[in-house]
Protein backbone atom coordinates (compact mmCIF):
# COMPACT_ATOMS: atom_id res chain seq x y z
CA MET A 1 -5.64 -29.42 -1.24
CA PRO A 2 -1.94 -30.05 -2.67
CA ASP A 3 -0.13 -32.96 -0.50
CA ASP A 4 3.48 -31.73 -1.71
CA PHE A 5 3.63 -28.47 0.44
CA ARG A 6 6.85 -29.70 1.87
CA ARG A 7 8.67 -30.04 -1.39
CA THR A 8 12.38 -28.76 -1.35
CA ALA A 9 12.74 -25.35 -2.99
CA ARG A 10 14.64 -25.29 -6.22
CA ALA A 11 17.90 -23.05 -6.46
CA THR A 12 19.48 -21.48 -9.30
CA ALA A 13 22.91 -19.69 -9.46
CA PRO A 14 21.24 -16.11 -9.09
CA LEU A 15 19.66 -17.20 -6.09
CA THR A 16 22.52 -19.13 -4.56
CA LEU A 17 24.80 -15.92 -5.44
CA TYR A 18 22.08 -13.37 -3.76
CA ARG A 19 21.81 -15.84 -0.76
CA GLN A 20 25.64 -15.78 -0.11
CA SER A 21 25.79 -12.24 -0.83
CA LEU A 22 23.16 -11.31 1.77
CA ALA A 23 25.14 -13.69 4.25
CA ALA A 24 28.17 -11.83 3.78
CA PHE A 25 26.61 -8.67 4.17
CA ARG A 26 25.66 -9.24 7.68
CA PRO A 27 28.39 -7.45 9.64
CA PHE A 28 27.37 -4.28 7.83
CA ALA A 29 23.68 -4.19 8.32
CA GLY A 30 23.53 -2.83 11.57
CA ALA A 31 25.23 0.47 10.26
CA LEU A 32 22.90 0.35 7.49
CA LEU A 33 20.04 -0.02 9.81
CA ARG A 34 21.32 3.02 11.93
CA ARG A 35 21.94 5.42 9.16
CA ARG A 36 18.43 4.58 7.94
CA ALA A 37 17.28 5.49 11.54
CA GLY A 38 18.86 8.68 11.42
CA ARG A 39 16.90 9.58 8.19
CA GLY A 40 13.69 8.67 9.50
CA LYS A 41 13.45 5.53 7.54
CA GLU A 42 13.72 2.92 10.36
CA ASN A 43 12.17 3.29 14.03
CA PRO A 44 15.30 3.52 16.38
CA GLU A 45 13.79 1.77 19.37
CA ARG A 46 12.79 -1.37 16.84
CA ILE A 47 15.82 -1.92 15.07
CA ALA A 48 16.35 -5.27 16.50
CA GLU A 49 13.19 -6.28 14.64
CA ARG A 50 14.96 -5.67 11.43
CA ARG A 51 17.45 -8.11 12.45
CA GLY A 52 14.76 -10.77 13.54
CA VAL A 53 14.72 -10.15 17.22
CA ALA A 54 11.43 -10.53 18.17
CA GLY A 55 9.78 -7.61 20.24
CA MET A 56 7.53 -10.08 22.26
CA ALA A 57 6.87 -13.81 23.01
CA ARG A 58 5.11 -15.93 20.48
CA PRO A 59 1.55 -16.61 21.69
CA ASP A 60 0.21 -19.95 22.16
CA GLY A 61 -2.41 -21.39 19.54
CA PRO A 62 -2.39 -21.20 15.77
CA LEU A 63 -0.73 -18.17 14.20
CA VAL A 64 -1.20 -16.89 10.75
CA TRP A 65 1.89 -14.62 9.43
CA LEU A 66 0.63 -11.64 7.12
CA HIS A 67 3.10 -9.70 5.38
CA GLY A 68 2.79 -6.50 3.17
CA ALA A 69 5.71 -3.92 2.16
CA SER A 70 3.98 -0.80 3.28
CA VAL A 71 0.70 1.36 4.07
CA GLY A 72 -1.02 0.19 0.87
CA GLU A 73 -0.36 -3.46 1.46
CA PHE A 74 -1.16 -3.19 4.93
CA ASN A 75 -4.48 -1.65 4.39
CA ALA A 76 -5.16 -4.43 1.84
CA LEU A 77 -4.56 -7.08 4.40
CA ALA A 78 -6.52 -5.41 7.05
CA PRO A 79 -9.93 -6.96 6.48
CA LEU A 80 -8.21 -10.40 6.28
CA VAL A 81 -6.56 -9.71 9.71
CA GLU A 82 -9.99 -8.77 11.17
CA ARG A 83 -11.65 -11.83 9.93
CA LEU A 84 -9.07 -14.45 10.98
CA VAL A 85 -8.65 -12.85 14.52
CA ALA A 86 -12.61 -13.10 14.75
CA ARG A 87 -12.31 -17.06 13.97
CA GLY A 88 -9.65 -17.27 16.70
CA PHE A 89 -6.44 -17.35 15.10
CA TRP A 90 -3.39 -15.26 16.08
CA ALA A 91 -2.28 -12.79 13.47
CA LEU A 92 1.38 -11.56 13.07
CA VAL A 93 1.48 -8.85 10.61
CA THR A 94 4.94 -7.68 9.18
CA THR A 95 5.64 -4.68 7.21
CA GLY A 96 8.93 -2.67 6.33
CA THR A 97 8.22 0.97 6.90
CA VAL A 98 7.70 3.31 9.66
CA THR A 99 4.84 5.05 8.16
CA SER A 100 3.07 1.18 8.06
CA ALA A 101 3.97 0.63 11.52
CA ALA A 102 2.34 3.76 12.87
CA VAL A 103 -1.08 2.84 10.83
CA ALA A 104 -0.79 -0.78 12.19
CA ALA A 105 -0.61 0.54 15.82
CA GLN A 106 -4.03 2.49 15.04
CA ARG A 107 -5.84 -0.21 13.25
CA LEU A 108 -4.83 -3.78 14.18
CA PRO A 109 -7.54 -5.60 16.25
CA GLU A 110 -6.69 -7.20 19.56
CA GLY A 111 -5.48 -10.74 18.66
CA ALA A 112 -3.08 -9.04 16.16
CA ILE A 113 0.60 -8.28 16.45
CA HIS A 114 2.91 -6.05 14.37
CA GLN A 115 6.48 -6.62 13.79
CA PHE A 116 9.15 -5.27 11.39
CA VAL A 117 10.06 -7.85 8.86
CA PRO A 118 13.72 -8.83 9.14
CA LEU A 119 16.24 -7.70 6.42
CA ASP A 120 16.45 -10.54 3.90
CA VAL A 121 19.61 -11.70 5.59
CA PRO A 122 19.43 -15.47 6.01
CA ALA A 123 20.70 -15.42 9.95
CA TYR A 124 18.06 -12.61 10.38
CA VAL A 125 15.29 -14.66 8.44
CA GLU A 126 16.22 -17.87 10.57
CA ARG A 127 15.94 -16.08 13.80
CA PHE A 128 12.45 -14.34 12.90
CA LEU A 129 10.89 -17.60 11.67
CA ALA A 130 12.40 -19.69 14.57
CA HIS A 131 10.81 -17.59 17.07
CA TRP A 132 7.16 -16.87 15.40
CA ARG A 133 6.79 -20.41 13.88
CA PRO A 134 3.95 -19.33 11.68
CA ASP A 135 1.42 -22.18 10.85
CA LEU A 136 0.47 -20.49 7.49
CA ALA A 137 2.18 -17.42 5.75
CA LEU A 138 0.13 -14.99 3.39
CA ILE A 139 2.60 -12.78 1.51
CA ALA A 140 0.96 -9.68 -0.28
CA GLU A 141 1.20 -8.53 -3.75
CA SER A 142 4.92 -8.48 -4.98
CA GLU A 143 6.92 -9.05 -1.71
CA ILE A 144 9.04 -11.83 -3.14
CA TRP A 145 12.19 -11.86 -0.77
CA PRO A 146 14.23 -15.02 -1.74
CA ASN A 147 15.73 -15.97 1.70
CA LEU A 148 12.66 -15.27 3.62
CA LEU A 149 10.36 -17.56 1.30
CA ARG A 150 13.07 -20.31 1.24
CA ARG A 151 13.48 -20.68 4.97
CA ALA A 152 9.69 -20.41 5.39
CA ARG A 153 9.38 -23.18 2.62
CA ALA A 154 12.04 -25.28 4.50
CA LEU A 155 10.17 -24.92 7.85
CA GLY A 156 7.14 -26.58 6.02
CA ALA A 157 4.40 -23.84 6.49
CA PRO A 158 2.30 -23.38 3.84
CA LEU A 159 2.75 -20.25 2.01
CA VAL A 160 0.09 -18.48 -0.11
CA LEU A 161 0.51 -15.37 -2.40
CA VAL A 162 -2.47 -13.14 -1.63
CA ASN A 163 -3.40 -9.97 -3.75
CA GLY A 164 -0.76 -10.84 -5.90
CA ARG A 165 0.14 -8.55 -8.72
CA MET A 166 2.72 -8.45 -11.58
CA SER A 167 2.84 -5.30 -13.94
CA GLU A 168 3.55 -5.85 -17.54
CA ARG A 169 7.11 -3.96 -16.85
CA SER A 170 7.92 -6.53 -14.09
CA PHE A 171 6.55 -9.38 -16.52
CA SER A 172 9.09 -8.49 -19.35
CA ARG A 173 12.01 -8.24 -17.06
CA TRP A 174 11.18 -11.62 -15.34
CA ARG A 175 10.71 -13.20 -18.45
CA ARG A 176 14.64 -12.76 -19.34
CA ALA A 177 15.13 -14.63 -16.06
CA ARG A 178 12.52 -17.21 -16.16
CA ARG A 179 14.40 -19.92 -14.39
CA THR A 180 14.98 -17.80 -11.33
CA ILE A 181 11.49 -16.31 -11.05
CA SER A 182 9.99 -19.89 -11.70
CA ALA A 183 12.02 -20.95 -8.57
CA LEU A 184 10.93 -18.15 -6.60
CA ILE A 185 7.08 -18.42 -7.15
CA ASP A 186 7.45 -22.08 -6.81
CA HIS A 187 7.63 -21.34 -3.15
CA PHE A 188 4.07 -20.90 -2.99
CA ASP A 189 1.37 -23.38 -2.50
CA LEU A 190 -1.04 -20.92 -4.04
CA CYS A 191 -1.17 -17.59 -5.73
CA LEU A 192 -4.14 -15.61 -5.50
CA VAL A 193 -4.17 -12.43 -7.78
CA GLN A 194 -5.65 -9.27 -8.41
CA SER A 195 -6.84 -9.65 -12.18
CA GLN A 196 -7.02 -12.20 -14.93
CA GLY A 197 -3.97 -10.24 -16.63
CA ASP A 198 -2.05 -10.98 -13.47
CA ALA A 199 -2.88 -14.59 -13.33
CA SER A 200 -1.89 -15.16 -17.07
CA ARG A 201 1.35 -13.55 -16.16
CA PHE A 202 2.10 -15.97 -13.13
CA VAL A 203 0.93 -18.79 -14.98
CA ASP A 204 3.26 -17.96 -17.90
CA LEU A 205 6.35 -17.45 -15.35
CA GLY A 206 5.74 -21.05 -14.07
CA ALA A 207 3.07 -20.76 -11.21
CA ARG A 208 1.10 -24.12 -10.42
CA ARG A 209 -1.84 -22.90 -8.71
CA VAL A 210 -3.27 -19.53 -9.71
CA GLU A 211 -6.72 -18.11 -8.92
CA ASN A 212 -8.11 -14.56 -9.71
CA VAL A 213 -9.95 -13.57 -6.90
CA GLY A 214 -9.73 -9.70 -7.21
CA ASN A 215 -8.11 -6.88 -5.38
CA LEU A 216 -8.12 -7.11 -1.50
CA LYS A 217 -7.99 -3.17 -1.52
CA PHE A 218 -11.40 -2.90 -3.25
CA ASP A 219 -12.70 -4.33 0.03
CA ALA A 220 -10.69 -2.33 2.45
CA ALA A 221 -12.52 0.07 4.56
CA PRO A 222 -11.73 3.73 3.62
CA PRO A 223 -9.43 5.42 6.09
CA ALA A 224 -10.79 6.41 9.69
CA ALA A 225 -10.90 10.43 10.73
CA ASP A 226 -10.81 11.79 14.26
CA SER A 227 -14.29 13.45 14.34
CA SER A 228 -12.99 16.40 16.61
CA ALA A 229 -10.09 17.11 13.91
CA LEU A 230 -12.60 16.77 11.05
CA ALA A 231 -14.96 19.11 12.45
CA ALA A 232 -12.01 21.72 13.28
CA LEU A 233 -10.62 21.44 9.57
CA ARG A 234 -14.14 21.76 8.21
CA ALA A 235 -14.78 24.96 10.10
CA MET A 236 -11.35 26.59 9.03
CA THR A 237 -12.08 25.44 5.56
CA ARG A 238 -15.83 26.39 5.33
CA GLY A 239 -16.97 28.03 2.11
CA ARG A 240 -13.99 27.32 -0.14
CA PRO A 241 -13.33 24.67 -2.45
CA VAL A 242 -10.81 22.15 -1.28
CA PHE A 243 -8.40 20.49 -3.50
CA VAL A 244 -6.56 17.55 -2.11
CA ALA A 245 -3.38 15.99 -3.93
CA ALA A 246 -3.02 12.81 -1.94
CA SER A 247 0.12 10.17 -1.89
CA THR A 248 2.27 12.44 -4.12
CA HIS A 249 5.68 11.17 -5.10
CA PRO A 250 8.83 13.41 -5.76
CA GLY A 251 8.43 15.59 -8.96
CA GLU A 252 4.68 15.97 -8.18
CA ASP A 253 5.12 18.68 -5.66
CA ALA A 254 5.79 21.39 -8.44
CA ALA A 255 2.99 19.96 -10.83
CA VAL A 256 0.51 20.40 -7.84
CA ALA A 257 1.61 23.85 -7.13
CA ARG A 258 1.02 24.80 -10.80
CA ALA A 259 -1.95 23.12 -10.93
CA HIS A 260 -3.09 25.42 -7.75
CA VAL A 261 -2.26 28.50 -9.63
CA VAL A 262 -4.25 27.63 -12.80
CA ALA A 263 -7.28 26.47 -10.86
CA ARG A 264 -7.12 29.69 -8.55
CA ALA A 265 -7.65 31.83 -11.53
CA HIS A 266 -11.20 30.20 -11.84
CA ALA A 267 -11.76 29.54 -8.09
CA PRO A 268 -10.09 32.12 -6.14
CA ASP A 269 -11.02 30.87 -2.57
CA LEU A 270 -9.35 27.55 -3.48
CA ILE A 271 -7.25 25.92 -0.82
CA THR A 272 -4.80 23.06 -1.99
CA ILE A 273 -4.07 20.35 0.51
CA ILE A 274 -1.17 18.18 -0.34
CA ALA A 275 -0.38 15.01 1.46
CA PRO A 276 2.95 13.57 0.17
CA ARG A 277 3.47 9.78 -0.14
CA HIS A 278 6.21 10.10 2.31
CA PRO A 279 5.76 12.58 5.35
CA GLY A 280 9.28 13.50 5.16
CA ALA A 281 8.85 15.06 1.85
CA GLY A 282 6.79 17.86 3.37
CA ALA A 283 9.77 20.20 3.14
CA ALA A 284 10.32 19.77 -0.57
CA ALA A 285 6.59 20.24 -1.09
CA ALA A 286 6.59 23.64 0.67
CA GLU A 287 9.55 24.69 -1.33
CA ALA A 288 7.98 23.85 -4.54
CA ALA A 289 5.08 25.97 -3.60
CA SER A 290 7.28 28.89 -2.88
CA LEU A 291 8.87 28.68 -6.43
CA HIS A 292 5.51 29.19 -7.68
CA GLY A 293 4.59 32.28 -5.51
CA LEU A 294 2.83 30.35 -2.92
CA ALA A 295 3.07 30.56 0.96
CA ALA A 296 3.05 27.04 2.19
CA VAL A 297 2.56 26.21 5.64
CA ARG A 298 3.15 22.51 7.24
CA ARG A 299 0.83 20.37 9.30
CA SER A 300 3.77 18.71 10.95
CA GLU A 301 4.91 22.22 12.41
CA GLY A 302 1.54 22.70 13.75
CA ALA A 303 0.04 24.92 11.26
CA GLU A 304 -3.34 25.17 10.44
CA PRO A 305 -5.36 25.76 7.09
CA GLY A 306 -6.56 29.42 8.06
CA ARG A 307 -8.39 31.77 5.86
CA ASP A 308 -4.77 33.30 4.54
CA VAL A 309 -3.34 29.98 3.72
CA GLU A 310 -3.69 28.45 0.23
CA PHE A 311 -1.39 25.96 0.07
CA TYR A 312 -1.38 23.47 2.96
CA VAL A 313 1.03 20.75 3.27
CA ALA A 314 -0.29 17.64 5.13
CA ASP A 315 2.87 16.02 6.02
CA THR A 316 1.77 13.97 8.96
CA ILE A 317 1.06 9.96 9.27
CA GLY A 318 -2.24 8.22 8.99
CA GLU A 319 -4.36 11.37 8.27
CA LEU A 320 -5.53 10.89 4.83
CA GLY A 321 -9.12 10.17 5.83
CA LEU A 322 -9.42 13.60 7.02
CA PHE A 323 -8.59 15.31 3.89
CA TYR A 324 -10.53 13.09 1.87
CA ARG A 325 -13.63 13.92 3.67
CA LEU A 326 -12.85 17.54 3.17
CA ALA A 327 -12.09 17.28 -0.38
CA ASP A 328 -14.22 18.51 -3.32
CA VAL A 329 -11.80 16.89 -5.55
CA VAL A 330 -8.76 14.45 -4.90
CA PHE A 331 -5.67 14.22 -7.43
CA VAL A 332 -4.30 10.77 -6.68
CA GLY A 333 -0.57 10.63 -6.98
CA GLY A 334 2.39 8.58 -8.34
CA SER A 335 0.53 9.09 -11.68
CA LEU A 336 2.10 12.30 -13.24
CA VAL A 337 5.53 10.72 -12.69
CA ARG A 338 6.45 7.14 -13.77
CA HIS A 339 5.82 5.58 -10.47
CA GLY A 340 2.58 3.56 -11.70
CA GLY A 341 -0.07 5.17 -9.63
CA GLN A 342 -1.47 4.70 -6.19
CA ASN A 343 -4.87 3.38 -5.07
CA PRO A 344 -7.86 5.48 -5.99
CA ILE A 345 -10.44 3.42 -4.23
CA GLU A 346 -10.14 5.10 -0.83
CA PRO A 347 -10.93 8.59 -1.77
CA ALA A 348 -13.80 7.05 -4.21
CA LYS A 349 -15.44 5.42 -1.34
CA LEU A 350 -15.21 8.60 0.59
CA GLY A 351 -17.13 10.46 -1.84
CA ALA A 352 -14.42 12.49 -3.55
CA PRO A 353 -14.22 12.74 -7.31
CA VAL A 354 -10.93 11.45 -8.61
CA VAL A 355 -8.31 13.11 -11.18
CA HIS A 356 -5.17 11.18 -12.13
CA GLY A 357 -2.35 11.24 -14.28
CA PRO A 358 -1.18 8.78 -17.21
CA HIS A 359 0.93 6.50 -15.39
CA VAL A 360 -1.40 3.99 -13.35
CA ALA A 361 0.07 0.83 -14.58
CA ASN A 362 -0.23 -0.61 -10.86
CA PHE A 363 -3.95 -0.19 -10.74
CA ALA A 364 -4.69 -0.14 -14.44
CA GLU A 365 -8.02 -1.91 -14.48
CA VAL A 366 -9.56 0.06 -11.69
CA TYR A 367 -8.61 3.04 -13.21
CA ASP A 368 -9.88 2.02 -16.64
CA MET A 369 -13.15 0.96 -15.12
CA LEU A 370 -13.60 4.32 -13.05
CA ASP A 371 -12.68 6.43 -16.18
CA ARG A 372 -15.06 4.70 -18.47
CA SER A 373 -17.81 4.95 -15.97
CA GLY A 374 -16.89 8.79 -15.38
CA GLY A 375 -16.21 8.24 -11.89
CA ALA A 376 -12.68 9.75 -12.52
CA VAL A 377 -10.67 11.89 -14.80
CA ARG A 378 -7.65 11.51 -16.72
CA VAL A 379 -4.82 14.52 -17.22
CA VAL A 380 -1.83 14.64 -18.89
CA ASP A 381 0.13 17.62 -17.19
CA PRO A 382 -0.08 20.14 -14.36
CA ASP A 383 -2.38 22.65 -16.46
CA ALA A 384 -4.73 20.10 -17.43
CA LEU A 385 -4.80 18.96 -13.78
CA GLY A 386 -5.53 22.68 -12.65
CA ALA A 387 -8.19 22.89 -15.09
CA ALA A 388 -9.93 19.88 -14.15
CA ALA A 389 -9.86 20.54 -10.65
CA ALA A 390 -11.67 23.88 -11.09
CA ARG A 391 -14.07 22.39 -13.17
CA ILE A 392 -15.16 19.84 -10.79
CA VAL A 393 -15.19 22.17 -7.64
CA LEU A 394 -17.20 24.71 -9.21
CA ASP A 395 -19.65 22.27 -11.09
CA GLY A 396 -21.60 20.37 -8.22
CA GLY A 397 -23.69 18.43 -10.97
CA ALA A 398 -20.94 17.05 -12.57
CA ARG A 399 -19.35 16.20 -9.13
CA GLY A 400 -22.08 14.37 -8.09
CA ALA A 401 -22.33 12.43 -10.99
CA MET A 402 -18.66 11.46 -10.71
CA VAL A 403 -19.57 10.50 -7.08
CA ALA A 404 -22.46 8.25 -8.15
CA ALA A 405 -20.31 6.68 -10.96
CA ALA A 406 -17.56 5.75 -8.50
CA THR A 407 -19.60 4.44 -5.91
CA THR A 408 -21.05 1.99 -8.38
CA ALA A 409 -17.82 1.06 -9.80
CA CYS A 410 -16.36 0.21 -6.16
CA GLN A 411 -19.29 -2.03 -5.49
CA ARG A 412 -18.73 -3.89 -8.70
CA LEU A 413 -15.00 -4.34 -7.85
CA GLY A 414 -15.49 -5.64 -4.49
CA GLY A 415 -15.64 -9.30 -2.94
CA ALA A 416 -11.96 -10.18 -2.90
CA VAL A 417 -12.15 -10.69 0.83
CA ASP A 418 -14.43 -13.39 0.61
CA ARG A 419 -12.94 -15.13 -2.22
CA THR A 420 -9.55 -15.11 -0.61
CA LEU A 421 -11.05 -16.67 2.50
CA GLY A 422 -12.54 -19.42 0.67
CA ALA A 423 -9.36 -20.13 -1.27
CA ILE A 424 -7.08 -20.36 2.02
CA GLU A 425 -9.89 -22.28 3.87
CA PRO A 426 -8.42 -25.76 3.33
CA TYR A 427 -5.10 -24.38 4.80
CA LEU A 428 -6.84 -22.95 7.70
CA MET A 429 -8.76 -26.00 8.45
CA GLN A 430 -5.43 -27.91 8.33
CA VAL A 431 -3.83 -25.36 10.91
CA ARG A 432 -6.96 -26.06 13.12
CA LEU A 433 -6.37 -29.84 12.88
CA GLY A 434 -2.71 -29.38 13.76
CA VAL A 435 -1.60 -30.92 10.56
CA ALA A 436 0.97 -28.27 9.49
């Protein structure tokens, strides 16, 4: 247990300029938030939280603050939240997106509170932290907001980076600003990272205490599904092969539509369900389908995947669990465009064979393990995607072998939650004893 967790944060010229710029931005923040709310990117009823105004009183007792950017990070933190609440800690969970807030409303246990993270404006950060006074802060993945970290450090609460990751691309960029990233990482008392590669990169950039504990996302429970909705969808798609394209990003809508056309030549009854990463992209997905001669209908408009529907746009929030359970094969998006990929563990745990593109740097190790074990298939373009989807939905034996291989790989990758809790146990004991 380090005895210097109250050390003063180092400053560099870029960080000082950043802080001054965000302070000067404050008068314009309200207009930005209102404009984002008009575009569906902020909850208009909770905009005050983005200015650091709390939506409720702080509960009495020890409080652990857990922060993640969006849905993926929230899902990774969820098992930690559950374990902490079960041990008698209050859990304050912050995220920055409307979608993640909707998922949090469904999944958080009693004893956990969701708030939107404040913008990184010094006054907003001060207000947020002065109200909540966290006894311990767990920051997920790469959410390194300078003002938020600096003020939390000044208050004295221990800061731990959990499920930390740093891609090769980010590493190369940060190496050109080594003093600045070193000063930012130095806010953390401990960095718990996803892989040995991440550990090496954090150490190289100046992190003092780093442990490779694995990826929390591999321990997260697969997304739930409403039983009645699932039964209804199964009835509507019974007898048809189901191809699900999940968490797609801009540029992949057309690729999925083309893949459907290719796969349909081999599997005429095929239905494709596309679930964009951001539900607001449903209209673009439907338009991309129409350009390929496909009649698309949207779930957000109340449409159902009837027998006459072959391209179904699932532009709703928090329903991936439904579609993974329906799927004969899942394409995991963010991988045919240069986004870095999305987490394939959720569909794999639910027994859906996974297909992905070449751009999976965000989850390189897990994709590599799935590919090598035969639990996933890599494709390079829409035609290859369509051919792979058709082959998998039509070959039950191959599909079963992929599911078995993926299940084994997922089991080998688990255990990060227990290792993370073990690593932060000294801080939890400190909170219990009232030292922090």
